C-alpha atoms as a PDB file:
ATOM      1  CA  MET A   1      59.239  42.663 -17.487  1.00  0.00           C
ATOM      2  CA  ASN A   2      56.142  43.733 -19.350  1.00  0.00           C
ATOM      3  CA  THR A   3      54.533  47.082 -18.671  1.00  0.00           C
ATOM      4  CA  HIS A   4      51.163  48.627 -19.426  1.00  0.00           C
ATOM      5  CA  SER A   5      50.442  52.184 -20.505  1.00  0.00           C
ATOM      6  CA  ASP A   6      48.409  54.357 -18.151  1.00  0.00           C
ATOM      7  CA  ALA A   7      46.572  55.751 -21.172  1.00  0.00           C
ATOM      8  CA  THR A   8      44.762  52.609 -22.351  1.00  0.00           C
ATOM      9  CA  PRO A   9      42.562  50.735 -21.827  1.00  0.00           C
ATOM     10  CA  ALA A  10      39.925  52.951 -20.211  1.00  0.00           C
ATOM     11  CA  ASP A  11      39.940  53.420 -16.453  1.00  0.00           C
ATOM     12  CA  ASN A  12      36.907  51.212 -15.908  1.00  0.00           C
ATOM     13  CA  ASP A  13      37.963  48.538 -18.395  1.00  0.00           C
ATOM     14  CA  ASP A  14      38.762  45.185 -16.816  1.00  0.00           C
ATOM     15  CA  ARG A  15      41.339  44.542 -19.533  1.00  0.00           C
ATOM     16  CA  ILE A  16      43.861  46.324 -17.322  1.00  0.00           C
ATOM     17  CA  TYR A  17      43.874  43.078 -15.328  1.00  0.00           C
ATOM     18  CA  ASP A  18      45.399  39.758 -16.352  1.00  0.00           C
ATOM     19  CA  ARG A  19      42.885  37.150 -17.452  1.00  0.00           C
ATOM     20  CA  ASP A  20      43.228  35.057 -14.290  1.00  0.00           C
ATOM     21  CA  VAL A  21      42.785  38.164 -12.140  1.00  0.00           C
ATOM     22  CA  ARG A  22      39.607  38.992 -14.050  1.00  0.00           C
ATOM     23  CA  SER A  23      38.242  35.588 -13.043  1.00  0.00           C
ATOM     24  CA  ILE A  24      38.673  36.530  -9.383  1.00  0.00           C
ATOM     25  CA  ILE A  25      37.000  39.879  -9.993  1.00  0.00           C
ATOM     26  CA  ASP A  26      34.059  38.209 -11.741  1.00  0.00           C
ATOM     27  CA  ALA A  27      33.554  35.922  -8.747  1.00  0.00           C
ATOM     28  CA  MET A  28      33.688  38.877  -6.346  1.00  0.00           C
ATOM     29  CA  ARG A  29      31.133  40.782  -8.377  1.00  0.00           C
ATOM     30  CA  ALA A  30      28.871  37.756  -8.532  1.00  0.00           C
ATOM     31  CA  ARG A  31      28.893  37.688  -4.734  1.00  0.00           C
ATOM     32  CA  ARG A  32      28.274  41.455  -4.702  1.00  0.00           C
ATOM     33  CA  ALA A  33      30.992  41.786  -2.088  1.00  0.00           C
ATOM     34  CA  PRO A  34      30.269  44.868   0.049  1.00  0.00           C
ATOM     35  CA  SER A  35      32.889  47.223   1.438  1.00  0.00           C
ATOM     36  CA  LEU A  36      34.769  46.130   4.534  1.00  0.00           C
ATOM     37  CA  GLN A  37      33.407  49.069   6.474  1.00  0.00           C
ATOM     38  CA  ALA A  38      29.865  48.052   5.568  1.00  0.00           C
ATOM     39  CA  ILE A  39      30.207  44.557   7.014  1.00  0.00           C
ATOM     40  CA  GLY A  40      32.229  45.606  10.065  1.00  0.00           C
ATOM     41  CA  ILE A  41      35.247  44.328  11.983  1.00  0.00           C
ATOM     42  CA  ASP A  42      34.014  40.895  13.012  1.00  0.00           C
ATOM     43  CA  ALA A  43      32.665  39.900   9.608  1.00  0.00           C
ATOM     44  CA  THR A  44      35.770  41.273   7.886  1.00  0.00           C
ATOM     45  CA  ARG A  45      37.984  39.120  10.068  1.00  0.00           C
ATOM     46  CA  ARG A  46      35.838  36.034   9.589  1.00  0.00           C
ATOM     47  CA  ALA A  47      35.856  36.513   5.827  1.00  0.00           C
ATOM     48  CA  LEU A  48      39.655  36.592   5.667  1.00  0.00           C
ATOM     49  CA  GLU A  49      40.115  33.637   7.986  1.00  0.00           C
ATOM     50  CA  SER A  50      37.560  31.568   6.062  1.00  0.00           C
ATOM     51  CA  ILE A  51      39.372  31.760   2.712  1.00  0.00           C
ATOM     52  CA  GLN A  52      40.477  28.265   1.724  1.00  0.00           C
ATOM     53  CA  ARG A  53      44.022  28.256   0.352  1.00  0.00           C
ATOM     54  CA  PRO A  54      46.110  25.274  -0.745  1.00  0.00           C
ATOM     55  CA  PRO A  55      48.884  24.393   1.675  1.00  0.00           C
ATOM     56  CA  GLY A  56      52.158  26.200   1.102  1.00  0.00           C
ATOM     57  CA  PRO A  57      55.549  24.637   0.444  1.00  0.00           C
ATOM     58  CA  ASP A  58      56.771  21.939   2.801  1.00  0.00           C
ATOM     59  CA  MET A  59      59.310  23.179   5.336  1.00  0.00           C
ATOM     60  CA  GLN A  60      62.272  21.618   7.089  1.00  0.00           C
ATOM     61  CA  ALA A  61      60.717  22.797  10.355  1.00  0.00           C
ATOM     62  CA  VAL A  62      57.865  25.034  11.514  1.00  0.00           C
ATOM     63  CA  ARG A  63      57.725  26.084  15.153  1.00  0.00           C
ATOM     64  CA  SER A  64      55.097  28.175  16.908  1.00  0.00           C
ATOM     65  CA  LEU A  65      55.891  29.999  20.136  1.00  0.00           C
ATOM     66  CA  GLU A  66      55.639  33.401  21.747  1.00  0.00           C
ATOM     67  CA  PHE A  67      57.965  35.987  23.245  1.00  0.00           C
ATOM     68  CA  ASP A  68      57.384  38.586  25.935  1.00  0.00           C
ATOM     69  CA  GLY A  69      56.617  41.836  24.147  1.00  0.00           C
ATOM     70  CA  PRO A  70      56.045  45.359  25.487  1.00  0.00           C
ATOM     71  CA  HIS A  71      52.267  44.826  25.578  1.00  0.00           C
ATOM     72  CA  GLY A  72      52.185  41.159  26.551  1.00  0.00           C
ATOM     73  CA  PRO A  73      53.044  37.841  24.873  1.00  0.00           C
ATOM     74  CA  VAL A  74      53.425  37.984  21.081  1.00  0.00           C
ATOM     75  CA  PRO A  75      52.887  34.804  19.038  1.00  0.00           C
ATOM     76  CA  VAL A  76      55.355  34.016  16.264  1.00  0.00           C
ATOM     77  CA  ARG A  77      55.758  31.179  13.806  1.00  0.00           C
ATOM     78  CA  VAL A  78      59.255  30.324  12.589  1.00  0.00           C
ATOM     79  CA  TYR A  79      59.685  28.671   9.178  1.00  0.00           C
ATOM     80  CA  HIS A  80      62.887  26.905   8.130  1.00  0.00           C
ATOM     81  CA  PRO A  81      62.805  25.993   4.417  1.00  0.00           C
ATOM     82  CA  HIS A  82      64.676  22.950   3.213  1.00  0.00           C
ATOM     83  CA  SER A  83      67.154  25.150   1.363  1.00  0.00           C
ATOM     84  CA  VAL A  84      68.763  26.726   4.462  1.00  0.00           C
ATOM     85  CA  ARG A  85      71.407  25.316   6.731  1.00  0.00           C
ATOM     86  CA  GLU A  86      70.735  24.637  10.389  1.00  0.00           C
ATOM     87  CA  ARG A  87      73.239  27.354  11.327  1.00  0.00           C
ATOM     88  CA  ASP A  88      73.955  30.902  10.122  1.00  0.00           C
ATOM     89  CA  ALA A  89      70.885  31.170   7.902  1.00  0.00           C
ATOM     90  CA  PRO A  90      69.497  34.536   6.758  1.00  0.00           C
ATOM     91  CA  ALA A  91      66.146  35.506   8.236  1.00  0.00           C
ATOM     92  CA  LEU A  92      63.216  37.773   7.409  1.00  0.00           C
ATOM     93  CA  VAL A  93      61.062  39.017  10.251  1.00  0.00           C
ATOM     94  CA  TRP A  94      57.701  39.180   8.493  1.00  0.00           C
ATOM     95  CA  PHE A  95      54.610  41.248   9.289  1.00  0.00           C
ATOM     96  CA  HIS A  96      51.384  40.129   7.645  1.00  0.00           C
ATOM     97  CA  GLY A  97      48.848  42.334   5.910  1.00  0.00           C
ATOM     98  CA  GLY A  98      45.251  43.043   6.821  1.00  0.00           C
ATOM     99  CA  GLY A  99      44.905  46.797   7.189  1.00  0.00           C
ATOM    100  CA  MET A 100      46.029  46.602  10.850  1.00  0.00           C
ATOM    101  CA  ILE A 101      42.579  45.222  11.735  1.00  0.00           C
ATOM    102  CA  MET A 102      42.635  41.601  10.516  1.00  0.00           C
ATOM    103  CA  GLY A 103      44.908  38.716   9.650  1.00  0.00           C
ATOM    104  CA  SER A 104      46.615  36.022  11.692  1.00  0.00           C
ATOM    105  CA  LEU A 105      49.435  33.512  11.624  1.00  0.00           C
ATOM    106  CA  GLU A 106      46.914  31.019  10.240  1.00  0.00           C
ATOM    107  CA  SER A 107      45.522  33.110   7.380  1.00  0.00           C
ATOM    108  CA  PHE A 108      49.057  34.121   6.316  1.00  0.00           C
ATOM    109  CA  ASP A 109      50.662  30.709   6.791  1.00  0.00           C
ATOM    110  CA  ARG A 110      50.815  29.959   3.065  1.00  0.00           C
ATOM    111  CA  LEU A 111      52.380  33.324   2.265  1.00  0.00           C
ATOM    112  CA  ALA A 112      55.038  32.897   4.966  1.00  0.00           C
ATOM    113  CA  ARG A 113      55.927  29.468   3.607  1.00  0.00           C
ATOM    114  CA  GLU A 114      56.168  30.783   0.064  1.00  0.00           C
ATOM    115  CA  VAL A 115      58.383  33.685   1.083  1.00  0.00           C
ATOM    116  CA  ALA A 116      60.674  31.350   3.042  1.00  0.00           C
ATOM    117  CA  ALA A 117      60.983  28.937   0.120  1.00  0.00           C
ATOM    118  CA  ALA A 118      61.453  31.638  -2.531  1.00  0.00           C
ATOM    119  CA  ALA A 119      63.968  33.688  -0.524  1.00  0.00           C
ATOM    120  CA  HIS A 120      65.888  30.693   0.871  1.00  0.00           C
ATOM    121  CA  ALA A 121      65.608  32.297   4.298  1.00  0.00           C
ATOM    122  CA  VAL A 122      64.126  31.604   7.689  1.00  0.00           C
ATOM    123  CA  VAL A 123      60.868  33.535   8.064  1.00  0.00           C
ATOM    124  CA  VAL A 124      59.655  34.661  11.479  1.00  0.00           C
ATOM    125  CA  ASN A 125      55.975  35.526  11.053  1.00  0.00           C
ATOM    126  CA  VAL A 126      54.768  37.890  13.789  1.00  0.00           C
ATOM    127  CA  GLY A 127      51.224  37.796  15.194  1.00  0.00           C
ATOM    128  CA  TYR A 128      51.038  41.421  16.289  1.00  0.00           C
ATOM    129  CA  ARG A 129      47.945  42.778  18.051  1.00  0.00           C
ATOM    130  CA  LEU A 130      45.204  44.295  15.911  1.00  0.00           C
ATOM    131  CA  ALA A 131      43.202  47.516  15.961  1.00  0.00           C
ATOM    132  CA  PRO A 132      40.777  48.808  17.053  1.00  0.00           C
ATOM    133  CA  GLU A 133      41.259  46.830  20.261  1.00  0.00           C
ATOM    134  CA  HIS A 134      44.947  47.771  20.172  1.00  0.00           C
ATOM    135  CA  ARG A 135      45.632  51.069  18.445  1.00  0.00           C
ATOM    136  CA  TYR A 136      48.914  52.639  17.426  1.00  0.00           C
ATOM    137  CA  PRO A 137      51.625  52.259  18.656  1.00  0.00           C
ATOM    138  CA  VAL A 138      50.941  48.706  19.895  1.00  0.00           C
ATOM    139  CA  ALA A 139      51.523  46.839  16.614  1.00  0.00           C
ATOM    140  CA  HIS A 140      54.577  48.971  15.854  1.00  0.00           C
ATOM    141  CA  ASP A 141      56.054  48.385  19.300  1.00  0.00           C
ATOM    142  CA  GLU A 142      55.545  44.643  18.920  1.00  0.00           C
ATOM    143  CA  SER A 143      57.085  44.622  15.450  1.00  0.00           C
ATOM    144  CA  TYR A 144      60.219  46.358  16.656  1.00  0.00           C
ATOM    145  CA  ALA A 145      60.372  44.105  19.717  1.00  0.00           C
ATOM    146  CA  ALA A 146      60.150  41.064  17.446  1.00  0.00           C
ATOM    147  CA  VAL A 147      63.215  42.154  15.486  1.00  0.00           C
ATOM    148  CA  CYS A 148      65.140  42.734  18.698  1.00  0.00           C
ATOM    149  CA  TRP A 149      64.059  39.314  19.991  1.00  0.00           C
ATOM    150  CA  VAL A 150      65.155  37.543  16.800  1.00  0.00           C
ATOM    151  CA  GLN A 151      68.560  39.184  16.907  1.00  0.00           C
ATOM    152  CA  GLU A 152      69.056  38.434  20.596  1.00  0.00           C
ATOM    153  CA  ASN A 153      68.114  34.789  20.042  1.00  0.00           C
ATOM    154  CA  ALA A 154      69.654  34.324  16.606  1.00  0.00           C
ATOM    155  CA  GLY A 155      71.854  31.440  17.707  1.00  0.00           C
ATOM    156  CA  GLU A 156      68.907  29.503  19.081  1.00  0.00           C
ATOM    157  CA  TRP A 157      67.158  29.693  15.707  1.00  0.00           C
ATOM    158  CA  GLY A 158      70.222  29.005  13.584  1.00  0.00           C
ATOM    159  CA  VAL A 159      70.114  32.561  12.234  1.00  0.00           C
ATOM    160  CA  ASP A 160      73.070  34.718  11.237  1.00  0.00           C
ATOM    161  CA  PRO A 161      72.637  37.914  13.322  1.00  0.00           C
ATOM    162  CA  THR A 162      74.248  39.976  10.540  1.00  0.00           C
ATOM    163  CA  ARG A 163      71.700  38.791   7.963  1.00  0.00           C
ATOM    164  CA  ILE A 164      68.342  39.679   9.463  1.00  0.00           C
ATOM    165  CA  GLY A 165      65.873  41.672   7.394  1.00  0.00           C
ATOM    166  CA  VAL A 166      62.312  42.875   7.780  1.00  0.00           C
ATOM    167  CA  GLY A 167      59.450  42.487   5.365  1.00  0.00           C
ATOM    168  CA  GLY A 168      55.719  42.564   5.036  1.00  0.00           C
ATOM    169  CA  ASP A 169      52.770  42.876   2.725  1.00  0.00           C
ATOM    170  CA  SER A 170      50.286  45.767   2.732  1.00  0.00           C
ATOM    171  CA  ALA A 171      49.827  46.922   6.353  1.00  0.00           C
ATOM    172  CA  GLY A 172      52.713  44.637   7.272  1.00  0.00           C
ATOM    173  CA  GLY A 173      54.909  46.403   4.733  1.00  0.00           C
ATOM    174  CA  GLY A 174      54.163  49.639   6.564  1.00  0.00           C
ATOM    175  CA  LEU A 175      55.191  47.990   9.822  1.00  0.00           C
ATOM    176  CA  ALA A 176      58.419  46.787   8.202  1.00  0.00           C
ATOM    177  CA  ALA A 177      59.238  50.290   6.931  1.00  0.00           C
ATOM    178  CA  ALA A 178      58.523  51.792  10.349  1.00  0.00           C
ATOM    179  CA  THR A 179      60.656  49.140  12.047  1.00  0.00           C
ATOM    180  CA  ALA A 180      63.561  49.977   9.749  1.00  0.00           C
ATOM    181  CA  LEU A 181      63.198  53.669  10.640  1.00  0.00           C
ATOM    182  CA  ARG A 182      63.156  52.946  14.357  1.00  0.00           C
ATOM    183  CA  ALA A 183      66.119  50.578  14.194  1.00  0.00           C
ATOM    184  CA  ARG A 184      68.120  53.344  12.504  1.00  0.00           C
ATOM    185  CA  ASN A 185      66.932  56.092  14.857  1.00  0.00           C
ATOM    186  CA  GLU A 186      67.539  54.118  18.054  1.00  0.00           C
ATOM    187  CA  LYS A 187      70.711  52.429  16.806  1.00  0.00           C
ATOM    188  CA  GLY A 188      68.939  49.131  17.271  1.00  0.00           C
ATOM    189  CA  PRO A 189      69.393  45.852  15.405  1.00  0.00           C
ATOM    190  CA  HIS A 190      71.344  46.005  12.167  1.00  0.00           C
ATOM    191  CA  LEU A 191      68.978  45.173   9.317  1.00  0.00           C
ATOM    192  CA  ALA A 192      70.327  43.655   6.134  1.00  0.00           C
ATOM    193  CA  GLN A 193      67.325  44.691   4.035  1.00  0.00           C
ATOM    194  CA  GLN A 194      63.664  45.708   4.017  1.00  0.00           C
ATOM    195  CA  VAL A 195      61.129  44.031   1.744  1.00  0.00           C
ATOM    196  CA  LEU A 196      58.046  46.200   1.221  1.00  0.00           C
ATOM    197  CA  ILE A 197      55.234  44.499  -0.699  1.00  0.00           C
ATOM    198  CA  TYR A 198      52.634  47.173  -1.681  1.00  0.00           C
ATOM    199  CA  PRO A 199      53.147  48.650   1.805  1.00  0.00           C
ATOM    200  CA  GLY A 200      50.632  50.837   3.607  1.00  0.00           C
ATOM    201  CA  LEU A 201      52.816  53.873   4.233  1.00  0.00           C
ATOM    202  CA  GLU A 202      50.405  56.789   4.482  1.00  0.00           C
ATOM    203  CA  ARG A 203      46.866  57.903   4.998  1.00  0.00           C
ATOM    204  CA  ARG A 204      44.876  58.114   1.800  1.00  0.00           C
ATOM    205  CA  ARG A 205      45.772  60.955  -0.526  1.00  0.00           C
ATOM    206  CA  GLU A 206      44.382  61.906  -3.921  1.00  0.00           C
ATOM    207  CA  SER A 207      47.182  60.527  -6.067  1.00  0.00           C
ATOM    208  CA  PRO A 208      46.494  59.514  -9.678  1.00  0.00           C
ATOM    209  CA  SER A 209      46.438  55.810  -8.772  1.00  0.00           C
ATOM    210  CA  MET A 210      44.075  56.461  -5.866  1.00  0.00           C
ATOM    211  CA  LEU A 211      41.734  58.470  -8.065  1.00  0.00           C
ATOM    212  CA  ARG A 212      41.825  55.852 -10.811  1.00  0.00           C
ATOM    213  CA  PHE A 213      41.660  52.672  -8.747  1.00  0.00           C
ATOM    214  CA  GLY A 214      40.068  53.866  -5.507  1.00  0.00           C
ATOM    215  CA  ASP A 215      36.979  51.781  -6.200  1.00  0.00           C
ATOM    216  CA  SER A 216      38.900  48.666  -7.201  1.00  0.00           C
ATOM    217  CA  PRO A 217      37.539  45.228  -6.288  1.00  0.00           C
ATOM    218  CA  PHE A 218      40.531  44.501  -4.083  1.00  0.00           C
ATOM    219  CA  LEU A 219      40.842  47.726  -2.081  1.00  0.00           C
ATOM    220  CA  ARG A 220      38.516  50.712  -1.788  1.00  0.00           C
ATOM    221  CA  ALA A 221      39.399  54.249  -0.818  1.00  0.00           C
ATOM    222  CA  GLY A 222      36.683  54.379   1.822  1.00  0.00           C
ATOM    223  CA  ASP A 223      38.000  51.209   3.436  1.00  0.00           C
ATOM    224  CA  ILE A 224      41.508  52.663   3.513  1.00  0.00           C
ATOM    225  CA  ASP A 225      40.217  55.674   5.460  1.00  0.00           C
ATOM    226  CA  TRP A 226      38.264  53.421   7.810  1.00  0.00           C
ATOM    227  CA  MET A 227      41.148  51.084   8.585  1.00  0.00           C
ATOM    228  CA  LYS A 228      43.671  53.898   9.010  1.00  0.00           C
ATOM    229  CA  SER A 229      41.383  55.652  11.470  1.00  0.00           C
ATOM    230  CA  LEU A 230      40.850  52.455  13.457  1.00  0.00           C
ATOM    231  CA  TYR A 231      44.612  52.078  13.852  1.00  0.00           C
ATOM    232  CA  LEU A 232      45.901  55.657  13.959  1.00  0.00           C
ATOM    233  CA  GLY A 233      42.845  57.577  15.158  1.00  0.00           C
ATOM    234  CA  ASP A 234      40.919  60.244  13.289  1.00  0.00           C
ATOM    235  CA  ASP A 235      43.340  63.149  13.731  1.00  0.00           C
ATOM    236  CA  PRO A 236      46.192  63.212  11.188  1.00  0.00           C
ATOM    237  CA  SER A 237      47.947  65.946  13.172  1.00  0.00           C
ATOM    238  CA  THR A 238      48.960  63.305  15.727  1.00  0.00           C
ATOM    239  CA  ASP A 239      50.689  61.088  13.130  1.00  0.00           C
ATOM    240  CA  ASP A 240      54.415  60.376  13.346  1.00  0.00           C
ATOM    241  CA  GLU A 241      56.879  58.526  11.138  1.00  0.00           C
ATOM    242  CA  TYR A 242      56.378  55.190  12.883  1.00  0.00           C
ATOM    243  CA  GLY A 243      52.639  55.247  12.292  1.00  0.00           C
ATOM    244  CA  VAL A 244      52.904  56.918   8.873  1.00  0.00           C
ATOM    245  CA  PRO A 245      56.361  56.110   7.432  1.00  0.00           C
ATOM    246  CA  SER A 246      55.842  58.350   4.405  1.00  0.00           C
ATOM    247  CA  SER A 247      55.945  61.334   6.759  1.00  0.00           C
ATOM    248  CA  ALA A 248      59.569  60.633   7.719  1.00  0.00           C
ATOM    249  CA  ALA A 249      61.695  63.626   6.797  1.00  0.00           C
ATOM    250  CA  ASP A 250      64.941  61.635   6.522  1.00  0.00           C
ATOM    251  CA  LEU A 251      65.192  58.291   4.719  1.00  0.00           C
ATOM    252  CA  SER A 252      68.980  58.125   4.609  1.00  0.00           C
ATOM    253  CA  GLN A 253      71.048  55.371   6.207  1.00  0.00           C
ATOM    254  CA  LEU A 254      68.211  52.869   5.976  1.00  0.00           C
ATOM    255  CA  PRO A 255      68.737  49.246   4.909  1.00  0.00           C
ATOM    256  CA  PRO A 256      68.584  48.324   1.224  1.00  0.00           C
ATOM    257  CA  ALA A 257      64.998  48.024   0.054  1.00  0.00           C
ATOM    258  CA  ILE A 258      62.829  46.046  -2.319  1.00  0.00           C
ATOM    259  CA  VAL A 259      59.622  47.990  -3.022  1.00  0.00           C
ATOM    260  CA  VAL A 260      56.866  46.161  -4.904  1.00  0.00           C
ATOM    261  CA  SER A 261      53.685  47.640  -6.376  1.00  0.00           C
ATOM    262  CA  GLY A 262      50.786  46.461  -8.502  1.00  0.00           C
ATOM    263  CA  TYR A 263      49.688  48.508 -11.498  1.00  0.00           C
ATOM    264  CA  ALA A 264      45.999  48.643 -10.526  1.00  0.00           C
ATOM    265  CA  ASP A 265      46.543  49.171  -6.802  1.00  0.00           C
ATOM    266  CA  PRO A 266      45.229  52.479  -5.424  1.00  0.00           C
ATOM    267  CA  LEU A 267      48.310  52.547  -3.153  1.00  0.00           C
ATOM    268  CA  ARG A 268      50.684  52.306  -6.125  1.00  0.00           C
ATOM    269  CA  ASP A 269      51.800  55.931  -6.380  1.00  0.00           C
ATOM    270  CA  GLY A 270      52.450  56.299  -2.669  1.00  0.00           C
ATOM    271  CA  VAL A 271      54.436  53.060  -2.646  1.00  0.00           C
ATOM    272  CA  GLU A 272      56.572  54.063  -5.611  1.00  0.00           C
ATOM    273  CA  ASP A 273      57.065  57.608  -4.317  1.00  0.00           C
ATOM    274  CA  TYR A 274      58.524  56.150  -1.125  1.00  0.00           C
ATOM    275  CA  GLY A 275      60.820  53.932  -3.162  1.00  0.00           C
ATOM    276  CA  ARG A 276      62.069  56.911  -5.160  1.00  0.00           C
ATOM    277  CA  ARG A 277      62.656  58.883  -1.965  1.00  0.00           C
ATOM    278  CA  LEU A 278      64.742  55.993  -0.660  1.00  0.00           C
ATOM    279  CA  GLN A 279      66.784  56.038  -3.870  1.00  0.00           C
ATOM    280  CA  GLU A 280      67.252  59.807  -3.679  1.00  0.00           C
ATOM    281  CA  SER A 281      68.429  59.384  -0.079  1.00  0.00           C
ATOM    282  CA  GLY A 282      71.202  57.045  -1.183  1.00  0.00           C
ATOM    283  CA  VAL A 283      69.483  53.798  -0.172  1.00  0.00           C
ATOM    284  CA  SER A 284      69.968  50.922  -2.615  1.00  0.00           C
ATOM    285  CA  THR A 285      66.365  50.337  -3.675  1.00  0.00           C
ATOM    286  CA  ALA A 286      64.704  48.161  -6.293  1.00  0.00           C
ATOM    287  CA  ILE A 287      61.239  49.415  -7.290  1.00  0.00           C
ATOM    288  CA  ILE A 288      59.269  46.698  -9.074  1.00  0.00           C
ATOM    289  CA  ARG A 289      55.828  47.318 -10.567  1.00  0.00           C
ATOM    290  CA  TYR A 290      53.786  44.330 -11.735  1.00  0.00           C
ATOM    291  CA  PRO A 291      51.193  44.951 -14.452  1.00  0.00           C
ATOM    292  CA  GLY A 292      47.820  43.250 -14.620  1.00  0.00           C
ATOM    293  CA  VAL A 293      47.285  42.943 -10.870  1.00  0.00           C
ATOM    294  CA  GLY A 294      45.774  44.887  -7.999  1.00  0.00           C
ATOM    295  CA  HIS A 295      46.279  45.154  -4.276  1.00  0.00           C
ATOM    296  CA  GLY A 296      46.904  41.874  -2.485  1.00  0.00           C
ATOM    297  CA  PHE A 297      48.229  39.952  -5.481  1.00  0.00           C
ATOM    298  CA  PHE A 298      51.127  38.426  -3.516  1.00  0.00           C
ATOM    299  CA  MET A 299      48.464  36.372  -1.714  1.00  0.00           C
ATOM    300  CA  GLN A 300      47.059  35.046  -5.015  1.00  0.00           C
ATOM    301  CA  THR A 301      49.811  32.644  -6.084  1.00  0.00           C
ATOM    302  CA  ALA A 302      47.418  29.698  -6.127  1.00  0.00           C
ATOM    303  CA  SER A 303      45.378  31.228  -8.953  1.00  0.00           C
ATOM    304  CA  VAL A 304      47.345  34.096 -10.550  1.00  0.00           C
ATOM    305  CA  ALA A 305      50.345  33.411 -12.769  1.00  0.00           C
ATOM    306  CA  ARG A 306      51.871  36.855 -12.304  1.00  0.00           C
ATOM    307  CA  ALA A 307      51.717  36.435  -8.531  1.00  0.00           C
ATOM    308  CA  ARG A 308      53.778  33.258  -8.855  1.00  0.00           C
ATOM    309  CA  MET A 309      56.235  35.121 -11.076  1.00  0.00           C
ATOM    310  CA  ALA A 310      56.474  37.939  -8.543  1.00  0.00           C
ATOM    311  CA  MET A 311      57.079  35.522  -5.687  1.00  0.00           C
ATOM    312  CA  ALA A 312      59.915  33.859  -7.609  1.00  0.00           C
ATOM    313  CA  GLU A 313      61.494  37.144  -8.729  1.00  0.00           C
ATOM    314  CA  VAL A 314      61.235  38.935  -5.394  1.00  0.00           C
ATOM    315  CA  GLY A 315      62.424  35.839  -3.558  1.00  0.00           C
ATOM    316  CA  ALA A 316      65.479  35.584  -5.808  1.00  0.00           C
ATOM    317  CA  LEU A 317      66.351  39.236  -5.191  1.00  0.00           C
ATOM    318  CA  VAL A 318      65.938  38.849  -1.427  1.00  0.00           C
ATOM    319  CA  SER A 319      68.185  35.773  -1.521  1.00  0.00           C
ATOM    320  CA  ALA A 320      70.825  37.543  -3.622  1.00  0.00           C
ATOM    321  CA  ARG A 321      70.917  40.510  -1.262  1.00  0.00           C
ATOM    322  CA  PHE A 322      71.344  38.241   1.739  1.00  0.00           C
ATOM    323  CA  ALA A 323      74.181  36.479  -0.088  1.00  0.00           C
ATOM    324  CA  HIS A 324      75.968  39.465  -1.576  1.00  0.00           C
ATOM    325  CA  GLY A 325      74.691  42.598   0.151  1.00  0.00           C
ATOM    326  CA  SER A 326      73.234  45.640  -1.619  1.00  0.00           C
END
């Protein structure tokens, strides 16, 4: 896998991005896209939902339903790719991104299909409640409840109860990490693995990647602060390890992990630090950094070659771990 030096090109040089990523950046700059905080919750949500994406891979079956969660009904969408059997299939309980304030089963339908096809696994995409209408711990409670529900109903969905993992992108990766912590702490469902795609694990801190890329086109430092406060509140002293997984003192005895970062993502250092802490705690952990891309690249498979590569590579590793363990 290719790597880029942190020394060159210059911090503000777009050559740090792949050519196809630069095309996206040029289009964003032409629109003079404002910060998320500047346009507000409603417009931010509408903007995400309005993005036109090509349909994802065809599935053997896609079923939408809901289960009774701790804060009311929770919608889920269950994807069976053609490559899995009708019985004893591995499954990923997936939590979508969106900074805890946006995103839906519709806007993340393509990503869920791609993950299912690449990983050769059933994907259960969870429509957890969003902040600020529903602050912490609502989304976390619903994420953990979803994993419990999938395990309890594994037979109904043709899922092997010993091969259930959690995963998510961005904010959803933070939910997946927190769910793994809670499952360990409460001796809850056994999790075969955790798949953390540039996860949101902490409040903003002045790491080198945050300082360098905190004004990136794909994610801004000010928006990170805004979204974290909408979900967690303004007082960091009230944070715990389920809201801020990076604050967990003990990362031992957690499921094997795949931790993915993008070179030009302001979250990169925090993501990779968490991966190294998992390794140091004896957790089998693959830390994969992709050059030439920024935050959110896993959603850019339709237009970014490296995103397609990442989907294939991460999917293959997820599939291998389900097949052979850590």
